[in-house]
Amino acid sequence: MIVSNTKLIFVDFGNADEDGAIRLVTFGTLQDLFEEGIELREGIVLKISDGELIADATVAFREGMWVALINNWEADEAPDTQSPRSSKAPDTRV
């Protein structure tokens, strides 16, 4: 599994569908994707975080939006690789 990003992409793990797929629609998520130069495509793997939890996730397009399907969770061992937004309060704007 090859991860597409070097910095963590901020996500809101609470913004998930009924199957647990994380919606990639928040301002912070979209800004991080833009800054990393990542164009979302089916099957790419992203390293995502809400500032506390970190996961590897595969991107999919469902019901008209991009989502991240969690592959595995890991411990936060590299704070210097976090998105600048991860140390702030969660971004709840849609």
Protein backbone atom coordinates (compact mmCIF):
# COMPACT_ATOMS: atom_id res chain seq x y z
CA MET A 1 0.00 0.00 0.00
CA ILE A 2 1.58 3.29 -1.13
CA VAL A 3 0.38 6.41 0.69
CA SER A 4 -0.15 9.43 -1.60
CA ASN A 5 0.71 12.17 0.91
CA THR A 6 3.67 13.06 3.11
CA LYS A 7 1.78 15.37 5.49
CA LEU A 8 -1.34 14.30 7.33
CA ILE A 9 -4.63 15.35 5.75
CA PHE A 10 -7.03 16.83 8.32
CA VAL A 11 -10.42 15.09 8.51
CA ASP A 12 -13.39 15.14 10.85
CA PHE A 13 -13.81 11.50 11.91
CA GLY A 14 -17.28 12.43 13.20
CA ASN A 15 -18.35 13.31 9.64
CA ALA A 16 -18.87 9.72 8.51
CA ASP A 17 -21.65 7.89 6.71
CA GLU A 18 -23.53 4.91 8.14
CA ASP A 19 -20.74 2.55 6.99
CA GLY A 20 -18.03 4.61 8.71
CA ALA A 21 -16.65 6.16 5.51
CA ILE A 22 -15.19 9.58 6.33
CA ARG A 23 -16.57 12.36 4.12
CA LEU A 24 -13.78 14.42 2.56
CA VAL A 25 -15.78 17.64 2.36
CA THR A 26 -14.68 19.95 5.18
CA PHE A 27 -12.78 23.15 4.50
CA GLY A 28 -9.70 21.87 6.35
CA THR A 29 -9.67 18.62 4.39
CA LEU A 30 -10.06 20.34 1.04
CA GLN A 31 -7.39 22.90 1.89
CA ASP A 32 -4.90 20.20 2.93
CA LEU A 33 -5.57 18.22 -0.27
CA PHE A 34 -5.01 21.37 -2.34
CA GLU A 35 -1.81 22.26 -0.50
CA GLU A 36 -0.46 18.73 -1.01
CA GLY A 37 -1.43 18.82 -4.69
CA ILE A 38 -3.56 15.69 -4.31
CA GLU A 39 -6.28 15.09 -6.87
CA LEU A 40 -8.78 12.62 -5.45
CA ARG A 41 -9.15 9.38 -7.42
CA GLU A 42 -10.68 6.01 -6.65
CA GLY A 43 -8.24 3.76 -4.84
CA ILE A 44 -5.54 6.21 -3.75
CA VAL A 45 -4.42 5.85 -0.14
CA LEU A 46 -4.20 8.86 2.17
CA LYS A 47 -2.78 9.26 5.67
CA ILE A 48 -5.50 11.17 7.55
CA SER A 49 -5.83 12.63 11.05
CA ASP A 50 -8.11 14.68 13.27
CA GLY A 51 -5.17 15.82 15.38
CA GLU A 52 -5.48 12.90 17.80
CA LEU A 53 -6.02 9.78 15.71
CA ILE A 54 -4.14 8.80 12.54
CA ALA A 55 -5.27 6.31 9.90
CA ASP A 56 -4.43 5.08 6.42
CA ALA A 57 -7.54 5.23 4.26
CA THR A 58 -8.49 4.40 0.67
CA VAL A 59 -10.40 7.03 -1.30
CA ALA A 60 -13.73 6.13 -2.93
CA PHE A 61 -16.52 8.08 -4.62
CA ARG A 62 -19.91 7.37 -3.03
CA GLU A 63 -23.29 9.05 -3.40
CA GLY A 64 -21.81 12.05 -5.20
CA MET A 65 -18.94 12.75 -2.79
CA TRP A 66 -15.40 11.62 -2.01
CA VAL A 67 -14.94 9.51 1.13
CA ALA A 68 -12.07 7.78 2.89
CA LEU A 69 -12.43 4.13 3.90
CA ILE A 70 -10.22 3.34 6.91
CA ASN A 71 -7.65 0.62 6.23
CA ASN A 72 -5.84 0.75 9.57
CA TRP A 73 -5.32 3.00 12.59
CA GLU A 74 -1.94 3.97 14.01
CA ALA A 75 -0.53 5.83 17.01
CA ASP A 76 0.43 9.48 16.71
CA GLU A 77 4.23 9.23 16.75
CA ALA A 78 5.20 12.03 14.37
CA PRO A 79 3.71 15.38 15.39
CA ASP A 80 6.02 17.25 12.99
CA THR A 81 4.17 15.69 10.03
CA GLN A 82 0.75 16.92 11.11
CA SER A 83 -1.32 19.43 9.21
CA PRO A 84 -1.12 22.88 10.81
CA ARG A 85 -4.89 22.71 11.38
CA SER A 86 -4.61 19.52 13.45
CA SER A 87 -3.50 21.46 16.53
CA LYS A 88 -6.55 23.73 16.37
CA ALA A 89 -10.15 23.05 17.24
CA PRO A 90 -11.89 20.77 14.72
CA ASP A 91 -13.11 22.47 11.55
CA THR A 92 -16.87 22.01 11.53
CA ARG A 93 -17.58 24.08 8.42
CA VAL A 94 -18.91 22.18 5.42
